[in-house]
mmCIF file of all heavy atoms, coordinates in Angstrom:
data_MODEL
# 
_entry.id   MODEL 
# 
loop_
_atom_site.group_PDB 
_atom_site.id 
_atom_site.type_symbol 
_atom_site.label_atom_id 
_atom_site.label_alt_id 
_atom_site.label_comp_id 
_atom_site.label_asym_id 
_atom_site.label_entity_id 
_atom_site.label_seq_id 
_atom_site.pdbx_PDB_ins_code 
_atom_site.Cartn_x 
_atom_site.Cartn_y 
_atom_site.Cartn_z 
_atom_site.occupancy 
_atom_site.B_iso_or_equiv 
_atom_site.pdbx_formal_charge 
_atom_site.auth_seq_id 
_atom_site.auth_comp_id 
_atom_site.auth_asym_id 
_atom_site.auth_atom_id 
_atom_site.pdbx_PDB_model_num 
ATOM 1   N N   . SER A 1 1  ? 92.656  96.671  128.814 1.00 0.00 ? 1  SER A N   1 
ATOM 2   C CA  . SER A 1 1  ? 92.503  95.460  129.599 1.00 0.00 ? 1  SER A CA  1 
ATOM 3   C C   . SER A 1 1  ? 91.992  94.290  128.738 1.00 0.00 ? 1  SER A C   1 
ATOM 4   O O   . SER A 1 1  ? 91.984  93.125  129.227 1.00 0.00 ? 1  SER A O   1 
ATOM 5   C CB  . SER A 1 1  ? 91.367  95.785  130.675 1.00 0.00 ? 1  SER A CB  1 
ATOM 6   O OG  . SER A 1 1  ? 90.158  96.087  130.024 1.00 0.00 ? 1  SER A OG  1 
ATOM 7   N N   . SER A 1 2  ? 91.757  94.538  127.450 1.00 0.00 ? 2  SER A N   1 
ATOM 8   C CA  . SER A 1 2  ? 91.299  93.430  126.586 1.00 0.00 ? 2  SER A CA  1 
ATOM 9   C C   . SER A 1 2  ? 92.367  93.028  125.566 1.00 0.00 ? 2  SER A C   1 
ATOM 10  O O   . SER A 1 2  ? 92.039  92.257  124.641 1.00 0.00 ? 2  SER A O   1 
ATOM 11  C CB  . SER A 1 2  ? 90.009  93.882  125.837 1.00 0.00 ? 2  SER A CB  1 
ATOM 12  O OG  . SER A 1 2  ? 88.977  94.243  126.790 1.00 0.00 ? 2  SER A OG  1 
ATOM 13  N N   . CYS A 1 3  ? 93.530  93.589  125.706 1.00 0.00 ? 3  CYS A N   1 
ATOM 14  C CA  . CYS A 1 3  ? 94.570  93.277  124.689 1.00 0.00 ? 3  CYS A CA  1 
ATOM 15  C C   . CYS A 1 3  ? 95.934  93.091  125.437 1.00 0.00 ? 3  CYS A C   1 
ATOM 16  O O   . CYS A 1 3  ? 96.014  93.427  126.660 1.00 0.00 ? 3  CYS A O   1 
ATOM 17  C CB  . CYS A 1 3  ? 94.639  94.276  123.624 1.00 0.00 ? 3  CYS A CB  1 
ATOM 18  S SG  . CYS A 1 3  ? 95.139  95.915  124.147 1.00 0.00 ? 3  CYS A SG  1 
ATOM 19  N N   . ASN A 1 4  ? 96.929  92.736  124.736 1.00 0.00 ? 4  ASN A N   1 
ATOM 20  C CA  . ASN A 1 4  ? 98.266  92.544  125.321 1.00 0.00 ? 4  ASN A CA  1 
ATOM 21  C C   . ASN A 1 4  ? 99.104  93.799  125.273 1.00 0.00 ? 4  ASN A C   1 
ATOM 22  O O   . ASN A 1 4  ? 100.016 93.979  126.122 1.00 0.00 ? 4  ASN A O   1 
ATOM 23  C CB  . ASN A 1 4  ? 99.000  91.430  124.609 1.00 0.00 ? 4  ASN A CB  1 
ATOM 24  C CG  . ASN A 1 4  ? 98.250  90.085  124.752 1.00 0.00 ? 4  ASN A CG  1 
ATOM 25  O OD1 . ASN A 1 4  ? 97.469  89.765  123.923 1.00 0.00 ? 4  ASN A OD1 1 
ATOM 26  N ND2 . ASN A 1 4  ? 98.579  89.334  125.810 1.00 0.00 ? 4  ASN A ND2 1 
ATOM 27  N N   . LYS A 1 5  ? 98.842  94.653  124.293 1.00 0.00 ? 5  LYS A N   1 
ATOM 28  C CA  . LYS A 1 5  ? 99.671  95.836  124.151 1.00 0.00 ? 5  LYS A CA  1 
ATOM 29  C C   . LYS A 1 5  ? 98.897  96.939  123.420 1.00 0.00 ? 5  LYS A C   1 
ATOM 30  O O   . LYS A 1 5  ? 98.180  96.728  122.491 1.00 0.00 ? 5  LYS A O   1 
ATOM 31  C CB  . LYS A 1 5  ? 100.929 95.465  123.335 1.00 0.00 ? 5  LYS A CB  1 
ATOM 32  C CG  . LYS A 1 5  ? 101.875 96.625  123.061 1.00 0.00 ? 5  LYS A CG  1 
ATOM 33  C CD  . LYS A 1 5  ? 103.187 96.102  122.386 1.00 0.00 ? 5  LYS A CD  1 
ATOM 34  C CE  . LYS A 1 5  ? 102.873 95.558  121.007 1.00 0.00 ? 5  LYS A CE  1 
ATOM 35  N NZ  . LYS A 1 5  ? 104.157 95.239  120.252 1.00 0.00 ? 5  LYS A NZ  1 
ATOM 36  N N   . THR A 1 6  ? 99.109  98.213  123.861 1.00 0.00 ? 6  THR A N   1 
ATOM 37  C CA  . THR A 1 6  ? 98.645  99.342  123.111 1.00 0.00 ? 6  THR A CA  1 
ATOM 38  C C   . THR A 1 6  ? 99.872  100.271 122.956 1.00 0.00 ? 6  THR A C   1 
ATOM 39  O O   . THR A 1 6  ? 100.740 100.357 123.777 1.00 0.00 ? 6  THR A O   1 
ATOM 40  C CB  . THR A 1 6  ? 97.586  100.129 123.851 1.00 0.00 ? 6  THR A CB  1 
ATOM 41  O OG1 . THR A 1 6  ? 98.078  100.593 125.091 1.00 0.00 ? 6  THR A OG1 1 
ATOM 42  C CG2 . THR A 1 6  ? 96.316  99.285  124.099 1.00 0.00 ? 6  THR A CG2 1 
ATOM 43  N N   . GLU A 1 7  ? 99.962  100.873 121.794 1.00 0.00 ? 7  GLU A N   1 
ATOM 44  C CA  . GLU A 1 7  ? 101.005 101.796 121.473 1.00 0.00 ? 7  GLU A CA  1 
ATOM 45  C C   . GLU A 1 7  ? 100.544 102.909 120.561 1.00 0.00 ? 7  GLU A C   1 
ATOM 46  O O   . GLU A 1 7  ? 99.533  102.679 119.852 1.00 0.00 ? 7  GLU A O   1 
ATOM 47  C CB  . GLU A 1 7  ? 102.207 101.040 120.809 1.00 0.00 ? 7  GLU A CB  1 
ATOM 48  C CG  . GLU A 1 7  ? 101.821 100.177 119.633 1.00 0.00 ? 7  GLU A CG  1 
ATOM 49  C CD  . GLU A 1 7  ? 102.932 99.217  119.205 1.00 0.00 ? 7  GLU A CD  1 
ATOM 50  O OE1 . GLU A 1 7  ? 104.093 99.582  119.349 1.00 0.00 ? 7  GLU A OE1 1 
ATOM 51  O OE2 . GLU A 1 7  ? 102.545 98.132  118.852 1.00 0.00 ? 7  GLU A OE2 1 
ATOM 52  N N   . ILE A 1 8  ? 101.192 104.035 120.583 1.00 0.00 ? 8  ILE A N   1 
ATOM 53  C CA  . ILE A 1 8  ? 100.798 105.140 119.797 1.00 0.00 ? 8  ILE A CA  1 
ATOM 54  C C   . ILE A 1 8  ? 102.062 105.574 118.972 1.00 0.00 ? 8  ILE A C   1 
ATOM 55  O O   . ILE A 1 8  ? 103.100 105.887 119.553 1.00 0.00 ? 8  ILE A O   1 
ATOM 56  C CB  . ILE A 1 8  ? 100.275 106.375 120.586 1.00 0.00 ? 8  ILE A CB  1 
ATOM 57  C CG1 . ILE A 1 8  ? 98.959  105.950 121.263 1.00 0.00 ? 8  ILE A CG1 1 
ATOM 58  C CG2 . ILE A 1 8  ? 100.092 107.605 119.741 1.00 0.00 ? 8  ILE A CG2 1 
ATOM 59  C CD1 . ILE A 1 8  ? 98.337  107.018 122.127 1.00 0.00 ? 8  ILE A CD1 1 
ATOM 60  N N   . GLU A 1 9  ? 101.962 105.529 117.695 1.00 0.00 ? 9  GLU A N   1 
ATOM 61  C CA  . GLU A 1 9  ? 103.015 105.871 116.773 1.00 0.00 ? 9  GLU A CA  1 
ATOM 62  C C   . GLU A 1 9  ? 102.740 107.236 116.140 1.00 0.00 ? 9  GLU A C   1 
ATOM 63  O O   . GLU A 1 9  ? 101.658 107.479 115.716 1.00 0.00 ? 9  GLU A O   1 
ATOM 64  C CB  . GLU A 1 9  ? 103.215 104.796 115.693 1.00 0.00 ? 9  GLU A CB  1 
ATOM 65  C CG  . GLU A 1 9  ? 103.593 103.432 116.196 1.00 0.00 ? 9  GLU A CG  1 
ATOM 66  C CD  . GLU A 1 9  ? 103.708 102.387 115.142 1.00 0.00 ? 9  GLU A CD  1 
ATOM 67  O OE1 . GLU A 1 9  ? 103.354 102.659 114.008 1.00 0.00 ? 9  GLU A OE1 1 
ATOM 68  O OE2 . GLU A 1 9  ? 104.234 101.286 115.471 1.00 0.00 ? 9  GLU A OE2 1 
ATOM 69  N N   . SER A 1 10 ? 103.734 108.033 116.003 1.00 0.00 ? 10 SER A N   1 
ATOM 70  C CA  . SER A 1 10 ? 103.613 109.339 115.357 1.00 0.00 ? 10 SER A CA  1 
ATOM 71  C C   . SER A 1 10 ? 104.060 109.342 113.927 1.00 0.00 ? 10 SER A C   1 
ATOM 72  O O   . SER A 1 10 ? 104.888 108.463 113.507 1.00 0.00 ? 10 SER A O   1 
ATOM 73  C CB  . SER A 1 10 ? 104.370 110.391 116.138 1.00 0.00 ? 10 SER A CB  1 
ATOM 74  O OG  . SER A 1 10 ? 105.762 110.147 116.091 1.00 0.00 ? 10 SER A OG  1 
ATOM 75  N N   . PHE A 1 11 ? 103.577 110.275 113.143 1.00 0.00 ? 11 PHE A N   1 
ATOM 76  C CA  . PHE A 1 11 ? 104.032 110.427 111.780 1.00 0.00 ? 11 PHE A CA  1 
ATOM 77  C C   . PHE A 1 11 ? 103.756 111.868 111.402 1.00 0.00 ? 11 PHE A C   1 
ATOM 78  O O   . PHE A 1 11 ? 102.998 112.628 112.056 1.00 0.00 ? 11 PHE A O   1 
ATOM 79  C CB  . PHE A 1 11 ? 103.304 109.498 110.803 1.00 0.00 ? 11 PHE A CB  1 
ATOM 80  C CG  . PHE A 1 11 ? 101.817 109.705 110.749 1.00 0.00 ? 11 PHE A CG  1 
ATOM 81  C CD1 . PHE A 1 11 ? 101.240 110.505 109.764 1.00 0.00 ? 11 PHE A CD1 1 
ATOM 82  C CD2 . PHE A 1 11 ? 100.998 108.994 111.625 1.00 0.00 ? 11 PHE A CD2 1 
ATOM 83  C CE1 . PHE A 1 11 ? 99.883  110.646 109.715 1.00 0.00 ? 11 PHE A CE1 1 
ATOM 84  C CE2 . PHE A 1 11 ? 99.617  109.188 111.538 1.00 0.00 ? 11 PHE A CE2 1 
ATOM 85  C CZ  . PHE A 1 11 ? 99.035  110.024 110.596 1.00 0.00 ? 11 PHE A CZ  1 
ATOM 86  N N   . THR A 1 12 ? 104.407 112.353 110.370 1.00 0.00 ? 12 THR A N   1 
ATOM 87  C CA  . THR A 1 12 ? 104.213 113.765 109.928 1.00 0.00 ? 12 THR A CA  1 
ATOM 88  C C   . THR A 1 12 ? 103.316 113.835 108.738 1.00 0.00 ? 12 THR A C   1 
ATOM 89  O O   . THR A 1 12 ? 103.269 112.869 107.936 1.00 0.00 ? 12 THR A O   1 
ATOM 90  C CB  . THR A 1 12 ? 105.550 114.444 109.623 1.00 0.00 ? 12 THR A CB  1 
ATOM 91  O OG1 . THR A 1 12 ? 106.224 113.743 108.595 1.00 0.00 ? 12 THR A OG1 1 
ATOM 92  C CG2 . THR A 1 12 ? 106.420 114.515 110.850 1.00 0.00 ? 12 THR A CG2 1 
ATOM 93  N N   . LEU A 1 13 ? 102.598 114.929 108.560 1.00 0.00 ? 13 LEU A N   1 
ATOM 94  C CA  . LEU A 1 13 ? 101.732 115.124 107.412 1.00 0.00 ? 13 LEU A CA  1 
ATOM 95  C C   . LEU A 1 13 ? 101.613 116.617 107.183 1.00 0.00 ? 13 LEU A C   1 
ATOM 96  O O   . LEU A 1 13 ? 102.020 117.429 107.976 1.00 0.00 ? 13 LEU A O   1 
ATOM 97  C CB  . LEU A 1 13 ? 100.366 114.503 107.626 1.00 0.00 ? 13 LEU A CB  1 
ATOM 98  C CG  . LEU A 1 13 ? 99.360  115.313 108.454 1.00 0.00 ? 13 LEU A CG  1 
ATOM 99  C CD1 . LEU A 1 13 ? 97.934  114.938 108.069 1.00 0.00 ? 13 LEU A CD1 1 
ATOM 100 C CD2 . LEU A 1 13 ? 99.551  115.118 109.955 1.00 0.00 ? 13 LEU A CD2 1 
ATOM 101 N N   . HIS A 1 14 ? 100.968 116.930 106.069 1.00 0.00 ? 14 HIS A N   1 
ATOM 102 C CA  . HIS A 1 14 ? 100.620 118.336 105.755 1.00 0.00 ? 14 HIS A CA  1 
ATOM 103 C C   . HIS A 1 14 ? 99.111  118.315 105.460 1.00 0.00 ? 14 HIS A C   1 
ATOM 104 O O   . HIS A 1 14 ? 98.698  118.075 104.300 1.00 0.00 ? 14 HIS A O   1 
ATOM 105 C CB  . HIS A 1 14 ? 101.400 118.780 104.491 1.00 0.00 ? 14 HIS A CB  1 
ATOM 106 C CG  . HIS A 1 14 ? 102.873 118.559 104.535 1.00 0.00 ? 14 HIS A CG  1 
ATOM 107 N ND1 . HIS A 1 14 ? 103.759 119.589 104.865 1.00 0.00 ? 14 HIS A ND1 1 
ATOM 108 C CD2 . HIS A 1 14 ? 103.630 117.427 104.399 1.00 0.00 ? 14 HIS A CD2 1 
ATOM 109 C CE1 . HIS A 1 14 ? 104.996 119.092 104.833 1.00 0.00 ? 14 HIS A CE1 1 
ATOM 110 N NE2 . HIS A 1 14 ? 104.898 117.770 104.583 1.00 0.00 ? 14 HIS A NE2 1 
ATOM 111 N N   . ARG A 1 15 ? 98.329  118.529 106.513 1.00 0.00 ? 15 ARG A N   1 
ATOM 112 C CA  . ARG A 1 15 ? 96.924  118.165 106.433 1.00 0.00 ? 15 ARG A CA  1 
ATOM 113 C C   . ARG A 1 15 ? 96.096  118.977 105.361 1.00 0.00 ? 15 ARG A C   1 
ATOM 114 O O   . ARG A 1 15 ? 95.153  118.502 104.833 1.00 0.00 ? 15 ARG A O   1 
ATOM 115 C CB  . ARG A 1 15 ? 96.213  118.305 107.788 1.00 0.00 ? 15 ARG A CB  1 
ATOM 116 C CG  . ARG A 1 15 ? 96.232  119.689 108.335 1.00 0.00 ? 15 ARG A CG  1 
ATOM 117 C CD  . ARG A 1 15 ? 95.478  119.737 109.717 1.00 0.00 ? 15 ARG A CD  1 
ATOM 118 N NE  . ARG A 1 15 ? 95.662  121.003 110.379 1.00 0.00 ? 15 ARG A NE  1 
ATOM 119 C CZ  . ARG A 1 15 ? 96.037  121.105 111.658 1.00 0.00 ? 15 ARG A CZ  1 
ATOM 120 N NH1 . ARG A 1 15 ? 96.244  120.042 112.382 1.00 0.00 ? 15 ARG A NH1 1 
ATOM 121 N NH2 . ARG A 1 15 ? 96.151  122.275 112.239 1.00 0.00 ? 15 ARG A NH2 1 
ATOM 122 N N   . GLN A 1 16 ? 96.573  120.208 105.084 1.00 0.00 ? 16 GLN A N   1 
ATOM 123 C CA  . GLN A 1 16 ? 95.790  120.982 104.110 1.00 0.00 ? 16 GLN A CA  1 
ATOM 124 C C   . GLN A 1 16 ? 96.175  120.626 102.695 1.00 0.00 ? 16 GLN A C   1 
ATOM 125 O O   . GLN A 1 16 ? 95.592  121.148 101.737 1.00 0.00 ? 16 GLN A O   1 
ATOM 126 C CB  . GLN A 1 16 ? 96.031  122.477 104.368 1.00 0.00 ? 16 GLN A CB  1 
ATOM 127 C CG  . GLN A 1 16 ? 95.487  122.976 105.695 1.00 0.00 ? 16 GLN A CG  1 
ATOM 128 C CD  . GLN A 1 16 ? 93.950  122.913 105.774 1.00 0.00 ? 16 GLN A CD  1 
ATOM 129 O OE1 . GLN A 1 16 ? 93.283  122.387 104.860 1.00 0.00 ? 16 GLN A OE1 1 
ATOM 130 N NE2 . GLN A 1 16 ? 93.395  123.405 106.841 1.00 0.00 ? 16 GLN A NE2 1 
ATOM 131 N N   . GLY A 1 17 ? 97.196  119.798 102.510 1.00 0.00 ? 17 GLY A N   1 
ATOM 132 C CA  . GLY A 1 17 ? 97.580  119.402 101.132 1.00 0.00 ? 17 GLY A CA  1 
ATOM 133 C C   . GLY A 1 17 ? 96.478  118.687 100.388 1.00 0.00 ? 17 GLY A C   1 
ATOM 134 O O   . GLY A 1 17 ? 96.306  118.894 99.175  1.00 0.00 ? 17 GLY A O   1 
ATOM 135 N N   . PHE A 1 18 ? 95.716  117.908 101.135 1.00 0.00 ? 18 PHE A N   1 
ATOM 136 C CA  . PHE A 1 18 ? 94.680  117.113 100.519 1.00 0.00 ? 18 PHE A CA  1 
ATOM 137 C C   . PHE A 1 18 ? 93.577  117.894 99.756  1.00 0.00 ? 18 PHE A C   1 
ATOM 138 O O   . PHE A 1 18 ? 93.164  117.595 98.688  1.00 0.00 ? 18 PHE A O   1 
ATOM 139 C CB  . PHE A 1 18 ? 94.033  116.155 101.564 1.00 0.00 ? 18 PHE A CB  1 
ATOM 140 C CG  . PHE A 1 18 ? 92.985  115.260 101.009 1.00 0.00 ? 18 PHE A CG  1 
ATOM 141 C CD1 . PHE A 1 18 ? 93.197  114.411 99.982  1.00 0.00 ? 18 PHE A CD1 1 
ATOM 142 C CD2 . PHE A 1 18 ? 91.710  115.184 101.671 1.00 0.00 ? 18 PHE A CD2 1 
ATOM 143 C CE1 . PHE A 1 18 ? 92.236  113.595 99.499  1.00 0.00 ? 18 PHE A CE1 1 
ATOM 144 C CE2 . PHE A 1 18 ? 90.679  114.354 101.211 1.00 0.00 ? 18 PHE A CE2 1 
ATOM 145 C CZ  . PHE A 1 18 ? 90.967  113.554 100.071 1.00 0.00 ? 18 PHE A CZ  1 
ATOM 146 N N   . MET A 1 19 ? 93.182  119.010 100.437 1.00 0.00 ? 19 MET A N   1 
ATOM 147 C CA  . MET A 1 19 ? 92.066  119.821 99.832  1.00 0.00 ? 19 MET A CA  1 
ATOM 148 C C   . MET A 1 19 ? 92.608  121.261 99.554  1.00 0.00 ? 19 MET A C   1 
ATOM 149 O O   . MET A 1 19 ? 91.821  122.031 99.002  1.00 0.00 ? 19 MET A O   1 
ATOM 150 C CB  . MET A 1 19 ? 90.869  119.902 100.793 1.00 0.00 ? 19 MET A CB  1 
ATOM 151 C CG  . MET A 1 19 ? 90.289  118.555 101.140 1.00 0.00 ? 19 MET A CG  1 
ATOM 152 S SD  . MET A 1 19 ? 89.294  117.873 99.764  1.00 0.00 ? 19 MET A SD  1 
ATOM 153 C CE  . MET A 1 19 ? 87.760  118.677 100.093 1.00 0.00 ? 19 MET A CE  1 
ATOM 154 N N   . GLY A 1 20 ? 93.845  121.487 99.848  1.00 0.00 ? 20 GLY A N   1 
ATOM 155 C CA  . GLY A 1 20 ? 94.318  122.882 99.708  1.00 0.00 ? 20 GLY A CA  1 
ATOM 156 C C   . GLY A 1 20 ? 94.471  123.302 98.312  1.00 0.00 ? 20 GLY A C   1 
ATOM 157 O O   . GLY A 1 20 ? 94.655  124.517 98.019  1.00 0.00 ? 20 GLY A O   1 
ATOM 158 N N   . PHE A 1 21 ? 94.382  122.445 97.350  1.00 0.00 ? 21 PHE A N   1 
ATOM 159 C CA  . PHE A 1 21 ? 94.467  122.773 95.916  1.00 0.00 ? 21 PHE A CA  1 
ATOM 160 C C   . PHE A 1 21 ? 93.264  123.488 95.383  1.00 0.00 ? 21 PHE A C   1 
ATOM 161 O O   . PHE A 1 21 ? 93.275  124.106 94.344  1.00 0.00 ? 21 PHE A O   1 
ATOM 162 C CB  . PHE A 1 21 ? 94.665  121.474 95.121  1.00 0.00 ? 21 PHE A CB  1 
ATOM 163 C CG  . PHE A 1 21 ? 93.470  120.583 95.027  1.00 0.00 ? 21 PHE A CG  1 
ATOM 164 C CD1 . PHE A 1 21 ? 92.448  120.813 94.064  1.00 0.00 ? 21 PHE A CD1 1 
ATOM 165 C CD2 . PHE A 1 21 ? 93.298  119.620 95.987  1.00 0.00 ? 21 PHE A CD2 1 
ATOM 166 C CE1 . PHE A 1 21 ? 91.330  120.014 94.043  1.00 0.00 ? 21 PHE A CE1 1 
ATOM 167 C CE2 . PHE A 1 21 ? 92.164  118.849 95.985  1.00 0.00 ? 21 PHE A CE2 1 
ATOM 168 C CZ  . PHE A 1 21 ? 91.189  119.020 95.052  1.00 0.00 ? 21 PHE A CZ  1 
ATOM 169 N N   . ILE A 1 22 ? 92.130  123.449 96.110  1.00 0.00 ? 22 ILE A N   1 
ATOM 170 C CA  . ILE A 1 22 ? 90.874  123.910 95.643  1.00 0.00 ? 22 ILE A CA  1 
ATOM 171 C C   . ILE A 1 22 ? 90.916  125.420 95.139  1.00 0.00 ? 22 ILE A C   1 
ATOM 172 O O   . ILE A 1 22 ? 90.477  125.641 93.986  1.00 0.00 ? 22 ILE A O   1 
ATOM 173 C CB  . ILE A 1 22 ? 89.686  123.691 96.616  1.00 0.00 ? 22 ILE A CB  1 
ATOM 174 C CG1 . ILE A 1 22 ? 89.445  122.160 96.812  1.00 0.00 ? 22 ILE A CG1 1 
ATOM 175 C CG2 . ILE A 1 22 ? 88.452  124.449 96.214  1.00 0.00 ? 22 ILE A CG2 1 
ATOM 176 C CD1 . ILE A 1 22 ? 88.365  121.832 97.825  1.00 0.00 ? 22 ILE A CD1 1 
ATOM 177 N N   . PRO A 1 23 ? 91.363  126.323 95.911  1.00 0.00 ? 23 PRO A N   1 
ATOM 178 C CA  . PRO A 1 23 ? 91.424  127.753 95.479  1.00 0.00 ? 23 PRO A CA  1 
ATOM 179 C C   . PRO A 1 23 ? 92.245  127.853 94.234  1.00 0.00 ? 23 PRO A C   1 
ATOM 180 O O   . PRO A 1 23 ? 91.874  128.598 93.256  1.00 0.00 ? 23 PRO A O   1 
ATOM 181 C CB  . PRO A 1 23 ? 92.045  128.470 96.588  1.00 0.00 ? 23 PRO A CB  1 
ATOM 182 C CG  . PRO A 1 23 ? 91.717  127.654 97.871  1.00 0.00 ? 23 PRO A CG  1 
ATOM 183 C CD  . PRO A 1 23 ? 91.778  126.213 97.390  1.00 0.00 ? 23 PRO A CD  1 
ATOM 184 N N   . PHE A 1 24 ? 93.393  127.166 94.140  1.00 0.00 ? 24 PHE A N   1 
ATOM 185 C CA  . PHE A 1 24 ? 94.251  127.197 92.964  1.00 0.00 ? 24 PHE A CA  1 
ATOM 186 C C   . PHE A 1 24 ? 93.524  126.695 91.746  1.00 0.00 ? 24 PHE A C   1 
ATOM 187 O O   . PHE A 1 24 ? 93.579  127.313 90.692  1.00 0.00 ? 24 PHE A O   1 
ATOM 188 C CB  . PHE A 1 24 ? 95.536  126.348 93.207  1.00 0.00 ? 24 PHE A CB  1 
ATOM 189 C CG  . PHE A 1 24 ? 96.362  126.232 92.014  1.00 0.00 ? 24 PHE A CG  1 
ATOM 190 C CD1 . PHE A 1 24 ? 97.182  127.226 91.559  1.00 0.00 ? 24 PHE A CD1 1 
ATOM 191 C CD2 . PHE A 1 24 ? 96.424  124.977 91.298  1.00 0.00 ? 24 PHE A CD2 1 
ATOM 192 C CE1 . PHE A 1 24 ? 97.933  127.067 90.418  1.00 0.00 ? 24 PHE A CE1 1 
ATOM 193 C CE2 . PHE A 1 24 ? 97.156  124.848 90.168  1.00 0.00 ? 24 PHE A CE2 1 
ATOM 194 C CZ  . PHE A 1 24 ? 97.960  125.871 89.686  1.00 0.00 ? 24 PHE A CZ  1 
ATOM 195 N N   . THR A 1 25 ? 92.875  125.581 91.841  1.00 0.00 ? 25 THR A N   1 
ATOM 196 C CA  . THR A 1 25 ? 92.157  124.919 90.706  1.00 0.00 ? 25 THR A CA  1 
ATOM 197 C C   . THR A 1 25 ? 91.011  125.830 90.284  1.00 0.00 ? 25 THR A C   1 
ATOM 198 O O   . THR A 1 25 ? 90.761  125.982 89.035  1.00 0.00 ? 25 THR A O   1 
ATOM 199 C CB  . THR A 1 25 ? 91.608  123.594 91.145  1.00 0.00 ? 25 THR A CB  1 
ATOM 200 O OG1 . THR A 1 25 ? 92.698  122.663 91.446  1.00 0.00 ? 25 THR A OG1 1 
ATOM 201 C CG2 . THR A 1 25 ? 90.774  122.942 90.060  1.00 0.00 ? 25 THR A CG2 1 
ATOM 202 N N   . VAL A 1 26 ? 90.301  126.475 91.202  1.00 0.00 ? 26 VAL A N   1 
ATOM 203 C CA  . VAL A 1 26 ? 89.191  127.362 90.848  1.00 0.00 ? 26 VAL A CA  1 
ATOM 204 C C   . VAL A 1 26 ? 89.772  128.567 90.083  1.00 0.00 ? 26 VAL A C   1 
ATOM 205 O O   . VAL A 1 26 ? 89.186  128.929 89.086  1.00 0.00 ? 26 VAL A O   1 
ATOM 206 C CB  . VAL A 1 26 ? 88.462  127.828 92.104  1.00 0.00 ? 26 VAL A CB  1 
ATOM 207 C CG1 . VAL A 1 26 ? 87.502  128.977 91.755  1.00 0.00 ? 26 VAL A CG1 1 
ATOM 208 C CG2 . VAL A 1 26 ? 87.621  126.638 92.706  1.00 0.00 ? 26 VAL A CG2 1 
ATOM 209 N N   . VAL A 1 27 ? 90.854  129.135 90.572  1.00 0.00 ? 27 VAL A N   1 
ATOM 210 C CA  . VAL A 1 27 ? 91.442  130.302 89.888  1.00 0.00 ? 27 VAL A CA  1 
ATOM 211 C C   . VAL A 1 27 ? 91.847  129.879 88.511  1.00 0.00 ? 27 VAL A C   1 
ATOM 212 O O   . VAL A 1 27 ? 91.646  130.660 87.512  1.00 0.00 ? 27 VAL A O   1 
ATOM 213 C CB  . VAL A 1 27 ? 92.701  130.781 90.650  1.00 0.00 ? 27 VAL A CB  1 
ATOM 214 C CG1 . VAL A 1 27 ? 93.429  131.860 89.818  1.00 0.00 ? 27 VAL A CG1 1 
ATOM 215 C CG2 . VAL A 1 27 ? 92.182  131.521 91.990  1.00 0.00 ? 27 VAL A CG2 1 
ATOM 216 N N   . CYS A 1 28 ? 92.404  128.698 88.307  1.00 0.00 ? 28 CYS A N   1 
ATOM 217 C CA  . CYS A 1 28 ? 92.838  128.273 87.002  1.00 0.00 ? 28 CYS A CA  1 
ATOM 218 C C   . CYS A 1 28 ? 91.661  128.112 86.084  1.00 0.00 ? 28 CYS A C   1 
ATOM 219 O O   . CYS A 1 28 ? 91.656  128.609 84.917  1.00 0.00 ? 28 CYS A O   1 
ATOM 220 C CB  . CYS A 1 28 ? 93.491  126.894 87.131  1.00 0.00 ? 28 CYS A CB  1 
ATOM 221 S SG  . CYS A 1 28 ? 95.208  126.964 87.744  1.00 0.00 ? 28 CYS A SG  1 
# 
């Protein structure tokens, strides 16, 4: 009610990529 337009845009991601390296780095 306070703006002219609202919209929701989708995108794809791989959410565990950001921190998923931790076990690999620790093993290394």
